[in-house]
Amino acid sequence: MPMLGIDGNKLSPCPDTPNCVSSQATDEAHFIEPILVSASVEDTSEIILRVLDDFSRVKVTQVEPDYIRAEFTSL
């Protein structure tokens, strides 16, 4: 399994599977535009966690001061 999370202050690259996106990906298949937020890191984290809580089939697996990892399961 590839390493997921932060690696050298950047997101780890997506694996070759199609179910990963990253605003730091260099290939078109995995790239997604970043969501720009003008709030503090703490406020942004709280907002993200509240939004994730509203989704079904999502599991937050890691919360760090500058990183949140959530896994979504499709039907």
N, C-alpha and C. Protein backbone atom coordinates (compact mmCIF):
# COMPACT_ATOMS: atom_id res chain seq x y z
N MET A 1 0.85 -1.18 0.00
CA MET A 1 0.00 0.00 0.00
C MET A 1 0.89 1.24 0.00
N PRO A 2 0.60 2.21 -0.85
CA PRO A 2 1.42 3.43 -0.87
C PRO A 2 1.24 4.25 0.40
N MET A 3 2.23 5.03 0.72
CA MET A 3 2.14 5.90 1.88
C MET A 3 1.12 7.00 1.62
N LEU A 4 0.26 7.24 2.58
CA LEU A 4 -0.73 8.30 2.46
C LEU A 4 -0.42 9.36 3.49
N GLY A 5 -0.84 10.58 3.24
CA GLY A 5 -0.65 11.65 4.21
C GLY A 5 0.35 12.68 3.75
N ILE A 6 1.07 13.22 4.71
CA ILE A 6 2.03 14.29 4.44
C ILE A 6 3.43 13.67 4.32
N ASP A 7 4.16 14.11 3.32
CA ASP A 7 5.53 13.65 3.10
C ASP A 7 6.35 14.86 2.69
N GLY A 8 7.21 15.33 3.59
CA GLY A 8 8.03 16.51 3.27
C GLY A 8 7.22 17.77 3.07
N ASN A 9 6.22 18.00 3.92
CA ASN A 9 5.34 19.17 3.86
C ASN A 9 4.46 19.23 2.62
N LYS A 10 4.32 18.13 1.91
CA LYS A 10 3.42 18.03 0.76
C LYS A 10 2.60 16.76 0.90
N LEU A 11 1.46 16.73 0.24
CA LEU A 11 0.66 15.51 0.23
C LEU A 11 1.42 14.43 -0.54
N SER A 12 1.33 13.21 -0.05
CA SER A 12 1.94 12.09 -0.76
C SER A 12 1.26 11.93 -2.11
N PRO A 13 1.98 11.45 -3.11
CA PRO A 13 1.36 11.26 -4.42
C PRO A 13 0.22 10.24 -4.36
N CYS A 14 -0.77 10.42 -5.21
CA CYS A 14 -1.86 9.46 -5.32
C CYS A 14 -1.32 8.15 -5.87
N PRO A 15 -1.91 7.04 -5.45
CA PRO A 15 -1.56 5.76 -6.09
C PRO A 15 -2.10 5.75 -7.52
N ASP A 16 -1.82 4.72 -8.27
CA ASP A 16 -2.26 4.64 -9.66
C ASP A 16 -3.76 4.38 -9.82
N THR A 17 -4.47 4.19 -8.72
CA THR A 17 -5.90 3.94 -8.79
C THR A 17 -6.66 5.23 -9.12
N PRO A 18 -7.84 5.13 -9.71
CA PRO A 18 -8.58 6.33 -10.11
C PRO A 18 -9.37 6.99 -8.99
N ASN A 19 -9.36 6.44 -7.79
CA ASN A 19 -10.20 6.97 -6.73
C ASN A 19 -9.44 7.86 -5.75
N CYS A 20 -8.47 8.60 -6.23
CA CYS A 20 -7.69 9.51 -5.41
C CYS A 20 -7.56 10.83 -6.16
N VAL A 21 -7.77 11.93 -5.45
CA VAL A 21 -7.54 13.26 -6.03
C VAL A 21 -6.70 14.08 -5.07
N SER A 22 -5.96 15.02 -5.64
CA SER A 22 -5.09 15.88 -4.84
C SER A 22 -4.88 17.19 -5.56
N SER A 23 -4.90 18.27 -4.80
CA SER A 23 -4.62 19.58 -5.39
C SER A 23 -3.12 19.76 -5.65
N GLN A 24 -2.32 18.81 -5.21
CA GLN A 24 -0.88 18.86 -5.47
C GLN A 24 -0.44 17.81 -6.49
N ALA A 25 -1.39 17.08 -7.06
CA ALA A 25 -1.05 16.07 -8.08
C ALA A 25 -0.52 16.77 -9.33
N THR A 26 0.42 16.13 -9.98
CA THR A 26 0.99 16.69 -11.20
C THR A 26 0.39 16.07 -12.46
N ASP A 27 -0.42 15.02 -12.30
CA ASP A 27 -1.05 14.41 -13.45
C ASP A 27 -2.53 14.78 -13.49
N GLU A 28 -3.05 14.91 -14.68
CA GLU A 28 -4.44 15.37 -14.88
C GLU A 28 -5.47 14.43 -14.27
N ALA A 29 -5.20 13.14 -14.26
CA ALA A 29 -6.16 12.15 -13.76
C ALA A 29 -6.44 12.31 -12.27
N HIS A 30 -5.48 12.80 -11.51
CA HIS A 30 -5.64 12.90 -10.06
C HIS A 30 -5.74 14.35 -9.55
N PHE A 31 -5.55 15.32 -10.42
CA PHE A 31 -5.55 16.72 -9.98
C PHE A 31 -6.95 17.23 -9.74
N ILE A 32 -7.09 17.99 -8.67
CA ILE A 32 -8.34 18.69 -8.36
C ILE A 32 -7.96 20.10 -7.90
N GLU A 33 -8.76 21.07 -8.27
CA GLU A 33 -8.48 22.45 -7.86
C GLU A 33 -8.55 22.55 -6.33
N PRO A 34 -7.65 23.30 -5.74
CA PRO A 34 -7.70 23.46 -4.28
C PRO A 34 -8.90 24.30 -3.87
N ILE A 35 -9.37 24.08 -2.67
CA ILE A 35 -10.44 24.88 -2.09
C ILE A 35 -9.76 25.97 -1.26
N LEU A 36 -9.91 27.20 -1.67
CA LEU A 36 -9.25 28.31 -1.00
C LEU A 36 -10.12 28.80 0.17
N VAL A 37 -9.51 28.95 1.32
CA VAL A 37 -10.22 29.34 2.53
C VAL A 37 -9.48 30.50 3.17
N SER A 38 -10.22 31.49 3.64
CA SER A 38 -9.58 32.66 4.24
C SER A 38 -9.69 32.67 5.76
N ALA A 39 -10.00 31.52 6.36
CA ALA A 39 -10.12 31.42 7.82
C ALA A 39 -8.79 30.92 8.40
N SER A 40 -8.70 30.95 9.71
CA SER A 40 -7.51 30.43 10.38
C SER A 40 -7.44 28.92 10.20
N VAL A 41 -6.29 28.33 10.42
CA VAL A 41 -6.13 26.87 10.31
C VAL A 41 -7.09 26.17 11.26
N GLU A 42 -7.21 26.66 12.48
CA GLU A 42 -8.09 26.03 13.47
C GLU A 42 -9.55 26.10 13.02
N ASP A 43 -9.98 27.28 12.58
CA ASP A 43 -11.37 27.43 12.13
C ASP A 43 -11.63 26.58 10.89
N THR A 44 -10.68 26.53 9.98
CA THR A 44 -10.83 25.73 8.76
C THR A 44 -10.97 24.26 9.11
N SER A 45 -10.16 23.76 10.03
CA SER A 45 -10.25 22.37 10.45
C SER A 45 -11.62 22.07 11.03
N GLU A 46 -12.13 22.95 11.88
CA GLU A 46 -13.45 22.76 12.47
C GLU A 46 -14.54 22.72 11.39
N ILE A 47 -14.44 23.60 10.43
CA ILE A 47 -15.42 23.65 9.33
C ILE A 47 -15.38 22.35 8.54
N ILE A 48 -14.18 21.91 8.18
CA ILE A 48 -14.03 20.67 7.40
C ILE A 48 -14.62 19.49 8.17
N LEU A 49 -14.31 19.38 9.44
CA LEU A 49 -14.83 18.26 10.23
C LEU A 49 -16.35 18.30 10.34
N ARG A 50 -16.94 19.50 10.45
CA ARG A 50 -18.41 19.61 10.48
C ARG A 50 -19.01 19.17 9.15
N VAL A 51 -18.40 19.60 8.05
CA VAL A 51 -18.91 19.22 6.73
C VAL A 51 -18.81 17.71 6.54
N LEU A 52 -17.67 17.14 6.90
CA LEU A 52 -17.49 15.69 6.77
C LEU A 52 -18.51 14.92 7.60
N ASP A 53 -18.86 15.46 8.76
CA ASP A 53 -19.83 14.81 9.63
C ASP A 53 -21.21 14.73 8.99
N ASP A 54 -21.50 15.62 8.05
CA ASP A 54 -22.80 15.62 7.38
C ASP A 54 -22.91 14.56 6.29
N PHE A 55 -21.78 13.99 5.86
CA PHE A 55 -21.78 12.98 4.81
C PHE A 55 -22.05 11.60 5.41
N SER A 56 -22.75 10.78 4.62
CA SER A 56 -22.85 9.37 5.01
C SER A 56 -21.70 8.63 4.32
N ARG A 57 -21.34 7.50 4.85
CA ARG A 57 -20.27 6.67 4.29
C ARG A 57 -18.91 7.37 4.25
N VAL A 58 -18.62 8.18 5.27
CA VAL A 58 -17.30 8.79 5.39
C VAL A 58 -16.74 8.47 6.76
N LYS A 59 -15.46 8.19 6.80
CA LYS A 59 -14.79 7.89 8.05
C LYS A 59 -13.55 8.76 8.15
N VAL A 60 -13.49 9.61 9.16
CA VAL A 60 -12.30 10.43 9.40
C VAL A 60 -11.28 9.54 10.09
N THR A 61 -10.15 9.34 9.47
CA THR A 61 -9.16 8.39 9.99
C THR A 61 -7.94 9.07 10.61
N GLN A 62 -7.76 10.35 10.35
CA GLN A 62 -6.61 11.05 10.93
C GLN A 62 -6.91 12.53 11.00
N VAL A 63 -6.61 13.13 12.15
CA VAL A 63 -6.76 14.57 12.33
C VAL A 63 -5.48 15.09 12.96
N GLU A 64 -4.80 15.96 12.25
CA GLU A 64 -3.58 16.61 12.72
C GLU A 64 -3.81 18.13 12.61
N PRO A 65 -2.97 18.94 13.22
CA PRO A 65 -3.17 20.39 13.13
C PRO A 65 -3.24 20.92 11.69
N ASP A 66 -2.53 20.27 10.76
CA ASP A 66 -2.51 20.77 9.38
C ASP A 66 -2.93 19.70 8.37
N TYR A 67 -3.64 18.68 8.84
CA TYR A 67 -4.00 17.57 7.94
C TYR A 67 -5.21 16.83 8.49
N ILE A 68 -6.18 16.57 7.61
CA ILE A 68 -7.33 15.73 7.94
C ILE A 68 -7.44 14.69 6.84
N ARG A 69 -7.52 13.44 7.23
CA ARG A 69 -7.70 12.38 6.25
C ARG A 69 -9.08 11.77 6.45
N ALA A 70 -9.84 11.69 5.37
CA ALA A 70 -11.17 11.11 5.40
C ALA A 70 -11.29 10.11 4.27
N GLU A 71 -11.92 8.99 4.56
CA GLU A 71 -12.12 7.95 3.56
C GLU A 71 -13.61 7.84 3.26
N PHE A 72 -13.95 7.98 1.99
CA PHE A 72 -15.33 7.88 1.54
C PHE A 72 -15.54 6.51 0.91
N THR A 73 -16.69 5.91 1.18
CA THR A 73 -17.03 4.62 0.60
C THR A 73 -18.23 4.80 -0.32
N SER A 74 -18.10 4.34 -1.56
CA SER A 74 -19.22 4.46 -2.49
C SER A 74 -20.17 3.27 -2.29
N LEU A 75 -21.35 3.39 -2.85
CA LEU A 75 -22.34 2.32 -2.72
C LEU A 75 -21.91 1.09 -3.45
